[in-house]
């Protein structure tokens, strides 16, 4: 067996990984403000404060600047890889079937890690039922809409109110939920009835948009997923895409080498990326008790 991987197989492998990553793996892709091609281990997102229009005092009067605050928010990029070996006795070559299988596996690993960077960034925020602008995001407690409830329309309404209070744009709002929270939502008439909702949730067995939020389902993941505590209370998040910054120094990059010590092909995917909160006013934490559904 040749130790030189053919160029066509290498190109096919790289293409397969990128295709799988873009189409099925990164659940939260496109839900944040993205900066790609970053050089170095840190990127600083710029945050611009609000301006207040001032009354003109007289014709031709000197313009009085608003003195809008500017700040820089550092985002640290981390290095990740997803390697796998193909033993010489398990494959005569890194053929296209193996490429496809490894491509999906590596893309899935990198995609879930990409999601986790954004979830971890939101986890690091401060949240309160009585939030202070610029300091804390909104907190929809586990007892909103009933004692110790799972995800519900009442909780979504409260999350929407927090964002509306901060005049967060309607376009670009997202929410990350677990299958348990989604099951709870599908138990509510307001979600599944065409009288309330144009989305055919009952037919499709899913929710894609509701109350202006685009839904993203996060399953049970070894990377951590959405945080859950010892009382089975899950932290879900609603946010606007401008509230989180995502910086990427190395986009999906693949490499295939012959490993002499293992007599195997080593296929690896690389990712250098990070995420940070840009504006806490655009994020809401929603606590959901997964021991109960919305109708309990």
Protein backbone atom coordinates (compact mmCIF):
# COMPACT_ATOMS: atom_id res chain seq x y z
CA UNK A 1 0.00 0.00 0.00
CA UNK A 2 1.32 3.43 -0.92
CA UNK A 3 1.91 5.86 1.92
CA UNK A 4 1.02 8.77 -0.33
CA UNK A 5 -2.65 9.70 -0.26
CA UNK A 6 -3.84 10.61 -3.72
CA UNK A 7 -4.62 14.31 -4.20
CA UNK A 8 -8.16 13.56 -5.34
CA UNK A 9 -8.88 11.66 -2.11
CA UNK A 10 -7.47 14.50 -0.03
CA UNK A 11 -9.58 17.09 -1.83
CA UNK A 12 -12.66 14.88 -1.52
CA UNK A 13 -12.06 14.49 2.22
CA UNK A 14 -11.74 18.23 2.79
CA UNK A 15 -14.87 18.91 0.72
CA UNK A 16 -16.87 16.24 2.54
CA UNK A 17 -15.99 17.62 5.98
CA UNK A 18 -16.91 21.18 5.03
CA UNK A 19 -20.16 20.07 3.41
CA UNK A 20 -21.22 18.04 6.42
CA UNK A 21 -20.22 20.82 8.81
CA UNK A 22 -22.24 23.43 6.97
CA UNK A 23 -25.35 21.34 6.41
CA UNK A 24 -25.86 19.30 9.56
CA UNK A 25 -23.40 19.90 12.35
CA UNK A 26 -23.20 23.48 13.61
CA UNK A 27 -26.70 24.03 15.01
CA UNK A 28 -25.99 27.62 16.04
CA UNK A 29 -24.10 28.66 12.90
CA UNK A 30 -25.21 32.07 11.68
CA UNK A 31 -26.88 33.08 14.96
CA UNK A 32 -24.13 35.48 16.10
CA UNK A 33 -22.00 38.34 14.81
CA UNK A 34 -19.14 36.60 13.02
CA UNK A 35 -15.58 37.69 12.28
CA UNK A 36 -13.51 35.23 10.28
CA UNK A 37 -9.89 35.11 9.25
CA UNK A 38 -8.69 36.54 12.57
CA UNK A 39 -4.91 36.66 13.01
CA UNK A 40 -3.63 35.82 16.49
CA UNK A 41 -5.30 34.45 19.60
CA UNK A 42 -7.61 37.38 20.35
CA UNK A 43 -10.11 39.54 18.55
CA UNK A 44 -11.64 42.70 20.01
CA UNK A 45 -15.26 43.33 19.17
CA UNK A 46 -16.29 46.97 19.20
CA UNK A 47 -19.38 47.94 21.19
CA UNK A 48 -20.97 51.30 20.51
CA UNK A 49 -23.23 52.88 23.11
CA UNK A 50 -26.53 54.65 22.53
CA UNK A 51 -26.83 58.23 21.35
CA UNK A 52 -29.39 60.82 22.43
CA UNK A 53 -30.67 63.43 19.99
CA UNK A 54 -30.43 66.97 21.37
CA UNK A 55 -32.68 69.91 20.70
CA UNK A 56 -31.22 72.52 18.39
CA UNK A 57 -30.80 75.71 20.43
CA UNK A 58 -30.67 78.24 17.61
CA UNK A 59 -30.07 78.56 13.85
CA UNK A 60 -26.43 77.90 12.91
CA UNK A 61 -25.63 77.00 16.51
CA UNK A 62 -22.57 74.86 17.15
CA UNK A 63 -23.26 71.13 16.92
CA UNK A 64 -23.10 69.40 20.28
CA UNK A 65 -21.73 65.86 19.91
CA UNK A 66 -23.60 62.99 21.51
CA UNK A 67 -20.35 61.61 22.99
CA UNK A 68 -21.31 58.04 22.22
CA UNK A 69 -19.35 55.56 24.33
CA UNK A 70 -17.13 53.06 22.55
CA UNK A 71 -15.62 49.97 24.16
CA UNK A 72 -13.62 46.97 23.01
CA UNK A 73 -14.65 43.48 24.11
CA UNK A 74 -11.86 40.87 23.83
CA UNK A 75 -12.66 37.42 22.50
CA UNK A 76 -10.07 34.70 23.09
CA UNK A 77 -9.66 32.11 20.33
CA UNK A 78 -9.04 28.49 21.32
CA UNK A 79 -7.45 25.67 19.34
CA UNK A 80 -9.42 22.47 18.71
CA UNK A 81 -8.80 19.37 16.62
CA UNK A 82 -10.72 16.20 15.81
CA UNK A 83 -8.38 13.38 14.68
CA UNK A 84 -9.13 9.80 13.68
CA UNK A 85 -7.02 6.89 12.40
CA UNK A 86 -7.71 4.51 9.52
CA UNK A 87 -5.73 1.32 10.08
CA UNK A 88 -3.91 -0.25 7.15
CA UNK A 89 -5.73 -3.53 7.72
CA UNK A 90 -9.15 -1.86 7.85
CA UNK A 91 -8.88 -0.12 4.49
CA UNK A 92 -6.73 -0.65 1.42
CA UNK A 93 -6.72 3.11 0.98
CA UNK A 94 -8.54 6.13 2.30
CA UNK A 95 -11.29 5.42 -0.20
CA UNK A 96 -14.33 7.55 -0.79
CA UNK A 97 -16.62 5.53 1.50
CA UNK A 98 -14.21 6.02 4.39
CA UNK A 99 -13.82 9.69 3.48
CA UNK A 100 -17.55 10.22 3.71
CA UNK A 101 -17.86 8.48 7.07
CA UNK A 102 -14.89 10.29 8.59
CA UNK A 103 -16.04 13.55 7.08
CA UNK A 104 -19.38 13.32 8.88
CA UNK A 105 -17.76 12.27 12.16
CA UNK A 106 -15.15 15.05 12.15
CA UNK A 107 -17.66 17.67 10.99
CA UNK A 108 -20.03 16.67 13.77
CA UNK A 109 -17.33 16.92 16.42
CA UNK A 110 -16.19 20.35 15.25
CA UNK A 111 -19.75 21.58 14.77
CA UNK A 112 -20.79 20.65 18.30
CA UNK A 113 -17.66 22.31 19.68
CA UNK A 114 -18.46 25.41 17.64
CA UNK A 115 -21.92 25.49 19.24
CA UNK A 116 -20.49 24.93 22.71
CA UNK A 117 -18.24 27.98 22.43
CA UNK A 118 -21.34 30.14 22.01
CA UNK A 119 -23.28 28.40 24.77
CA UNK A 120 -20.34 28.74 27.17
CA UNK A 121 -20.12 32.45 26.36
CA UNK A 122 -23.78 32.92 27.33
CA UNK A 123 -23.27 30.82 30.46
CA UNK A 124 -20.63 33.34 31.57
CA UNK A 125 -23.14 36.20 31.61
CA UNK A 126 -25.00 37.70 34.60
CA UNK A 127 -28.80 37.45 34.56
CA UNK A 128 -31.54 38.86 36.78
CA UNK A 129 -35.36 38.88 36.99
CA UNK A 130 -34.93 42.67 37.35
CA UNK A 131 -32.05 43.28 34.94
CA UNK A 132 -29.95 46.45 34.77
CA UNK A 133 -29.13 47.65 31.28
CA UNK A 134 -25.52 47.08 30.38
CA UNK A 135 -24.94 44.91 33.45
CA UNK A 136 -27.30 41.93 33.44
CA UNK A 137 -29.53 40.11 31.00
CA UNK A 138 -33.08 39.05 31.75
CA UNK A 139 -33.77 35.93 33.80
CA UNK A 140 -36.97 33.95 33.25
CA UNK A 141 -37.13 31.90 36.43
CA UNK A 142 -38.20 28.29 36.69
CA UNK A 143 -41.52 29.31 38.34
CA UNK A 144 -42.67 31.71 35.62
CA UNK A 145 -46.01 30.43 34.30
CA UNK A 146 -46.39 27.95 37.19
CA UNK A 147 -44.34 26.24 39.86
CA UNK A 148 -41.25 24.50 38.49
CA UNK A 149 -42.34 24.40 34.85
CA UNK A 150 -40.58 23.38 31.68
CA UNK A 151 -40.45 25.62 28.61
CA UNK A 152 -43.79 27.29 28.01
CA UNK A 153 -45.48 30.11 26.12
CA UNK A 154 -45.55 32.11 29.35
CA UNK A 155 -41.76 31.89 29.58
CA UNK A 156 -41.34 32.88 25.95
CA UNK A 157 -43.59 35.89 26.50
CA UNK A 158 -41.42 36.98 29.44
CA UNK A 159 -38.23 36.52 27.41
CA UNK A 160 -39.76 38.57 24.60
CA UNK A 161 -40.66 41.31 27.07
CA UNK A 162 -37.08 41.56 28.33
CA UNK A 163 -35.78 41.99 24.78
CA UNK A 164 -38.58 44.39 23.87
CA UNK A 165 -37.81 46.52 26.95
CA UNK A 166 -34.27 46.94 25.60
CA UNK A 167 -35.60 47.67 22.10
CA UNK A 168 -33.72 44.70 20.68
CA UNK A 169 -34.55 44.35 16.94
CA UNK A 170 -37.27 41.83 16.10
CA UNK A 171 -35.28 40.41 13.20
CA UNK A 172 -32.46 38.09 14.25
CA UNK A 173 -33.86 36.69 17.51
CA UNK A 174 -32.96 33.09 18.37
CA UNK A 175 -33.61 30.55 21.12
CA UNK A 176 -31.74 27.35 22.00
CA UNK A 177 -33.83 24.60 23.63
CA UNK A 178 -33.55 20.90 24.44
CA UNK A 179 -35.85 18.14 23.13
CA UNK A 180 -37.50 18.13 26.57
CA UNK A 181 -38.33 21.83 26.29
CA UNK A 182 -39.57 21.33 22.74
CA UNK A 183 -41.81 18.46 23.86
CA UNK A 184 -43.23 20.72 26.54
CA UNK A 185 -43.95 23.47 24.00
CA UNK A 186 -45.70 21.01 21.69
CA UNK A 187 -48.09 20.24 24.56
CA UNK A 188 -49.54 23.76 24.43
CA UNK A 189 -52.50 24.60 22.24
CA UNK A 190 -51.12 28.04 21.41
CA UNK A 191 -48.16 26.39 19.70
CA UNK A 192 -49.92 23.59 17.82
CA UNK A 193 -53.24 25.23 16.90
CA UNK A 194 -53.54 27.04 13.59
CA UNK A 195 -55.86 29.46 15.38
CA UNK A 196 -52.83 30.81 17.25
CA UNK A 197 -49.83 29.86 15.18
CA UNK A 198 -49.17 29.70 11.44
CA UNK A 199 -46.38 27.17 11.97
CA UNK A 200 -47.70 23.63 11.50
CA UNK A 201 -45.98 22.40 14.64
CA UNK A 202 -48.40 19.56 15.28
CA UNK A 203 -47.99 18.19 11.76
CA UNK A 204 -44.21 18.56 11.62
CA UNK A 205 -43.60 17.55 15.23
CA UNK A 206 -41.31 20.53 15.59
CA UNK A 207 -41.24 24.27 16.20
CA UNK A 208 -39.14 26.48 13.97
CA UNK A 209 -40.37 29.99 14.84
CA UNK A 210 -42.71 31.29 17.52
CA UNK A 211 -43.19 34.75 19.06
CA UNK A 212 -40.41 36.02 16.82
CA UNK A 213 -37.82 33.48 17.98
CA UNK A 214 -36.11 31.04 15.64
CA UNK A 215 -35.75 27.73 17.48
CA UNK A 216 -32.52 25.71 17.60
CA UNK A 217 -32.60 22.24 19.15
CA UNK A 218 -29.60 21.20 21.27
CA UNK A 219 -29.56 17.54 22.29
CA UNK A 220 -27.70 15.78 25.10
CA UNK A 221 -24.04 16.26 24.25
CA UNK A 222 -20.73 15.14 25.71
CA UNK A 223 -19.44 18.66 25.08
CA UNK A 224 -21.89 19.89 27.72
CA UNK A 225 -24.75 21.32 25.70
CA UNK A 226 -27.19 23.53 27.59
CA UNK A 227 -26.29 23.50 31.28
CA UNK A 228 -28.43 21.52 33.73
CA UNK A 229 -28.17 21.55 37.53
CA UNK A 230 -28.69 18.85 40.15
CA UNK A 231 -32.42 19.64 40.34
CA UNK A 232 -32.88 18.95 36.63
CA UNK A 233 -33.31 22.64 35.83
CA UNK A 234 -31.96 23.45 32.38
CA UNK A 235 -30.63 26.84 31.27
CA UNK A 236 -31.98 27.70 27.83
CA UNK A 237 -31.19 30.99 26.12
CA UNK A 238 -32.93 33.53 23.92
CA UNK A 239 -30.72 36.11 22.21
CA UNK A 240 -30.26 38.50 19.35
CA UNK A 241 -27.51 37.68 16.88
CA UNK A 242 -25.72 40.98 17.56
CA UNK A 243 -25.48 40.19 21.29
CA UNK A 244 -22.80 37.50 20.83
CA UNK A 245 -19.52 37.82 18.99
CA UNK A 246 -17.92 34.82 17.32
CA UNK A 247 -14.36 35.05 16.01
CA UNK A 248 -12.74 32.45 13.81
CA UNK A 249 -9.00 32.25 13.17
CA UNK A 250 -8.97 28.87 11.44
CA UNK A 251 -12.17 27.80 9.74
CA UNK A 252 -12.74 24.13 9.07
CA UNK A 253 -9.36 22.86 7.88
CA UNK A 254 -8.46 19.23 7.27
CA UNK A 255 -5.28 17.25 6.90
CA UNK A 256 -4.50 13.62 6.13
CA UNK A 257 -1.07 12.12 6.98
CA UNK A 258 0.48 8.69 7.12
CA UNK A 259 1.39 7.71 10.69
CA UNK A 260 4.40 5.37 10.60
CA UNK A 261 4.18 4.42 14.27
CA UNK A 262 0.55 3.30 13.93
CA UNK A 263 0.58 2.05 10.33
CA UNK A 264 -2.52 4.12 9.77
CA UNK A 265 -3.82 7.17 7.99
CA UNK A 266 -4.47 10.03 10.40
CA UNK A 267 -7.38 12.27 9.32
CA UNK A 268 -7.79 15.49 11.32
CA UNK A 269 -10.08 18.49 11.32
CA UNK A 270 -8.98 21.78 12.90
CA UNK A 271 -10.84 24.74 14.35
CA UNK A 272 -9.54 27.93 15.98
CA UNK A 273 -12.41 30.01 17.33
CA UNK A 274 -13.95 31.76 20.29
CA UNK A 275 -17.13 33.52 21.39
CA UNK A 276 -17.97 36.32 23.80
CA UNK A 277 -20.97 38.37 24.93
CA UNK A 278 -21.02 41.70 23.09
CA UNK A 279 -24.23 43.08 24.60
CA UNK A 280 -25.83 41.42 27.63
CA UNK A 281 -29.02 43.43 27.01
CA UNK A 282 -29.72 41.16 24.05
CA UNK A 283 -29.61 37.84 25.96
CA UNK A 284 -32.17 36.18 28.24
CA UNK A 285 -31.64 33.05 30.33
CA UNK A 286 -34.72 30.80 30.60
CA UNK A 287 -34.77 28.22 33.39
CA UNK A 288 -36.74 25.06 32.55
CA UNK A 289 -37.56 22.21 34.92
CA UNK A 290 -37.22 19.10 32.79
CA UNK A 291 -39.03 16.99 35.39
CA UNK A 292 -42.25 18.73 34.33
CA UNK A 293 -43.92 19.71 31.09
CA UNK A 294 -45.97 22.81 30.40
CA UNK A 295 -49.28 21.12 31.16
CA UNK A 296 -48.28 19.54 34.48
